[in-house]
C-alpha atoms as a PDB file:
ATOM      1  CA  MET A   1      10.331  14.437   7.238  1.00  0.00           C
ATOM      2  CA  THR A   2      13.678  13.776   8.857  1.00  0.00           C
ATOM      3  CA  VAL A   3      16.527  11.943   7.162  1.00  0.00           C
ATOM      4  CA  LEU A   4      16.078   9.057   9.584  1.00  0.00           C
ATOM      5  CA  GLU A   5      12.377   8.750   8.753  1.00  0.00           C
ATOM      6  CA  LEU A   6      13.118   8.880   5.028  1.00  0.00           C
ATOM      7  CA  GLN A   7      15.787   6.184   5.381  1.00  0.00           C
ATOM      8  CA  LYS A   8      13.355   3.968   7.314  1.00  0.00           C
ATOM      9  CA  ARG A   9      10.695   4.333   4.610  1.00  0.00           C
ATOM     10  CA  LYS A  10      13.220   3.573   1.878  1.00  0.00           C
ATOM     11  CA  SER A  11      14.342   0.450   3.742  1.00  0.00           C
ATOM     12  CA  TRP A  12      10.732  -0.687   4.058  1.00  0.00           C
ATOM     13  CA  ALA A  13      10.173  -0.130   0.319  1.00  0.00           C
ATOM     14  CA  LEU A  14      13.242  -2.268  -0.445  1.00  0.00           C
ATOM     15  CA  GLU A  15      11.959  -5.024   1.843  1.00  0.00           C
ATOM     16  CA  VAL A  16       8.633  -5.003   0.002  1.00  0.00           C
ATOM     17  CA  LEU A  17      10.411  -5.215  -3.337  1.00  0.00           C
ATOM     18  CA  GLN A  18      12.606  -8.089  -2.174  1.00  0.00           C
ATOM     19  CA  THR A  19       9.578 -10.129  -1.118  1.00  0.00           C
ATOM     20  CA  CYS A  20       8.078 -10.009  -4.632  1.00  0.00           C
ATOM     21  CA  ASN A  21       8.439 -13.502  -6.046  1.00  0.00           C
ATOM     22  CA  SER A  22       6.333 -13.395  -9.182  1.00  0.00           C
ATOM     23  CA  GLU A  23       7.448 -12.074 -12.527  1.00  0.00           C
ATOM     24  CA  GLU A  24       4.236 -10.061 -12.798  1.00  0.00           C
ATOM     25  CA  ALA A  25       4.861  -8.278  -9.488  1.00  0.00           C
ATOM     26  CA  VAL A  26       8.470  -7.495 -10.383  1.00  0.00           C
ATOM     27  CA  SER A  27       7.449  -6.186 -13.818  1.00  0.00           C
ATOM     28  CA  TYR A  28       4.822  -3.982 -12.222  1.00  0.00           C
ATOM     29  CA  MET A  29       7.350  -2.611  -9.720  1.00  0.00           C
ATOM     30  CA  GLU A  30       9.811  -1.918 -12.557  1.00  0.00           C
ATOM     31  CA  ALA A  31       7.167   0.067 -14.430  1.00  0.00           C
ATOM     32  CA  LEU A  32       6.373   2.064 -11.301  1.00  0.00           C
ATOM     33  CA  ALA A  33      10.064   2.747 -10.705  1.00  0.00           C
ATOM     34  CA  CYS A  34      10.499   4.040 -14.261  1.00  0.00           C
ATOM     35  CA  LYS A  35       7.539   6.375 -13.815  1.00  0.00           C
ATOM     36  CA  LEU A  36       8.892   7.616 -10.488  1.00  0.00           C
ATOM     37  CA  ILE A  37      12.320   8.288 -11.972  1.00  0.00           C
ATOM     38  CA  ARG A  38      10.769  10.272 -14.831  1.00  0.00           C
ATOM     39  CA  MET A  39       8.622  12.233 -12.392  1.00  0.00           C
ATOM     40  CA  GLU A  40      11.617  12.944 -10.172  1.00  0.00           C
ATOM     41  CA  LYS A  41      13.611  14.280 -13.124  1.00  0.00           C
ATOM     42  CA  GLN A  42      10.708  16.541 -14.078  1.00  0.00           C
ATOM     43  CA  GLU A  43      10.458  17.821 -10.517  1.00  0.00           C
ATOM     44  CA  LEU A  44      14.144  18.718 -10.542  1.00  0.00           C
ATOM     45  CA  LYS A  45      13.542  20.963 -13.538  1.00  0.00           C
ATOM     46  CA  ARG A  46      10.606  22.877 -12.075  1.00  0.00           C
ATOM     47  CA  PRO A  47       9.300  21.669  -8.735  1.00  0.00           C
ATOM     48  CA  ASN A  48       5.500  21.606  -8.523  1.00  0.00           C
ATOM     49  CA  CYS A  49       5.119  23.377 -11.840  1.00  0.00           C
ATOM     50  CA  PHE A  50       4.111  21.800 -15.148  1.00  0.00           C
ATOM     51  CA  THR A  51       3.570  23.257 -18.567  1.00  0.00           C
ATOM     52  CA  LEU A  52       0.292  22.641 -20.336  1.00  0.00           C
ATOM     53  CA  GLU A  53       2.068  20.260 -22.728  1.00  0.00           C
ATOM     54  CA  GLU A  54       3.469  18.227 -19.808  1.00  0.00           C
ATOM     55  CA  VAL A  55       0.029  17.926 -18.227  1.00  0.00           C
ATOM     56  CA  LYS A  56      -1.496  16.833 -21.538  1.00  0.00           C
ATOM     57  CA  GLU A  57       1.237  14.199 -21.972  1.00  0.00           C
ATOM     58  CA  MET A  58       0.694  12.904 -18.430  1.00  0.00           C
ATOM     59  CA  LEU A  59      -3.044  12.627 -19.091  1.00  0.00           C
ATOM     60  CA  LYS A  60      -2.413  10.798 -22.370  1.00  0.00           C
ATOM     61  CA  GLU A  61      -0.105   8.360 -20.592  1.00  0.00           C
ATOM     62  CA  THR A  62      -2.668   7.815 -17.846  1.00  0.00           C
ATOM     63  CA  ASN A  63      -5.404   7.151 -20.399  1.00  0.00           C
ATOM     64  CA  ARG A  64      -3.151   4.724 -22.320  1.00  0.00           C
ATOM     65  CA  ASP A  65      -2.437   2.860 -19.098  1.00  0.00           C
ATOM     66  CA  LYS A  66      -6.145   2.695 -18.272  1.00  0.00           C
ATOM     67  CA  GLU A  67      -7.041   1.450 -21.762  1.00  0.00           C
ATOM     68  CA  ASN A  68      -4.332  -1.215 -21.555  1.00  0.00           C
ATOM     69  CA  GLY A  69      -5.463  -2.332 -18.111  1.00  0.00           C
ATOM     70  CA  ILE A  70      -2.309  -1.067 -16.411  1.00  0.00           C
ATOM     71  CA  PHE A  71      -3.700   0.176 -13.152  1.00  0.00           C
ATOM     72  CA  VAL A  72      -4.401  -0.951  -9.633  1.00  0.00           C
ATOM     73  CA  SER A  73      -7.350   0.189  -7.585  1.00  0.00           C
ATOM     74  CA  GLU A  74      -6.757   2.030  -4.341  1.00  0.00           C
ATOM     75  CA  GLN A  75      -8.152  -0.877  -2.344  1.00  0.00           C
ATOM     76  CA  GLU A  76      -5.844  -3.357  -4.125  1.00  0.00           C
ATOM     77  CA  MET A  77      -2.833  -1.189  -3.263  1.00  0.00           C
ATOM     78  CA  ARG A  78      -3.941  -0.865   0.362  1.00  0.00           C
ATOM     79  CA  ASP A  79      -4.376  -4.654   0.588  1.00  0.00           C
ATOM     80  CA  PHE A  80      -1.009  -5.221  -1.099  1.00  0.00           C
ATOM     81  CA  PHE A  81       0.918  -3.027   1.324  1.00  0.00           C
ATOM     82  CA  GLN A  82      -1.097  -4.202   4.310  1.00  0.00           C
ATOM     83  CA  SER A  83       0.012  -7.776   3.584  1.00  0.00           C
ATOM     84  CA  PHE A  84       3.601  -6.779   4.403  1.00  0.00           C
ATOM     85  CA  ARG A  85       2.853  -5.357   7.836  1.00  0.00           C
END
């Protein structure tokens, strides 16, 4: 991906974020951003390589999110992003 393409995608992501008007949507986006930042920091340590403990922790976090109803189906995400096009 070129720098120009990356910049365009980042601009689009910011536009999507700026159109969020509900507290629920903003809270959800904040949670996603925190997860992305953590993932990015992990990737800087060892790109594409995780220890067994890291994988177990990621699975625990995923299961906690599922149990607490913190997830969005693939179709919901597709519909969400399609609404901005």
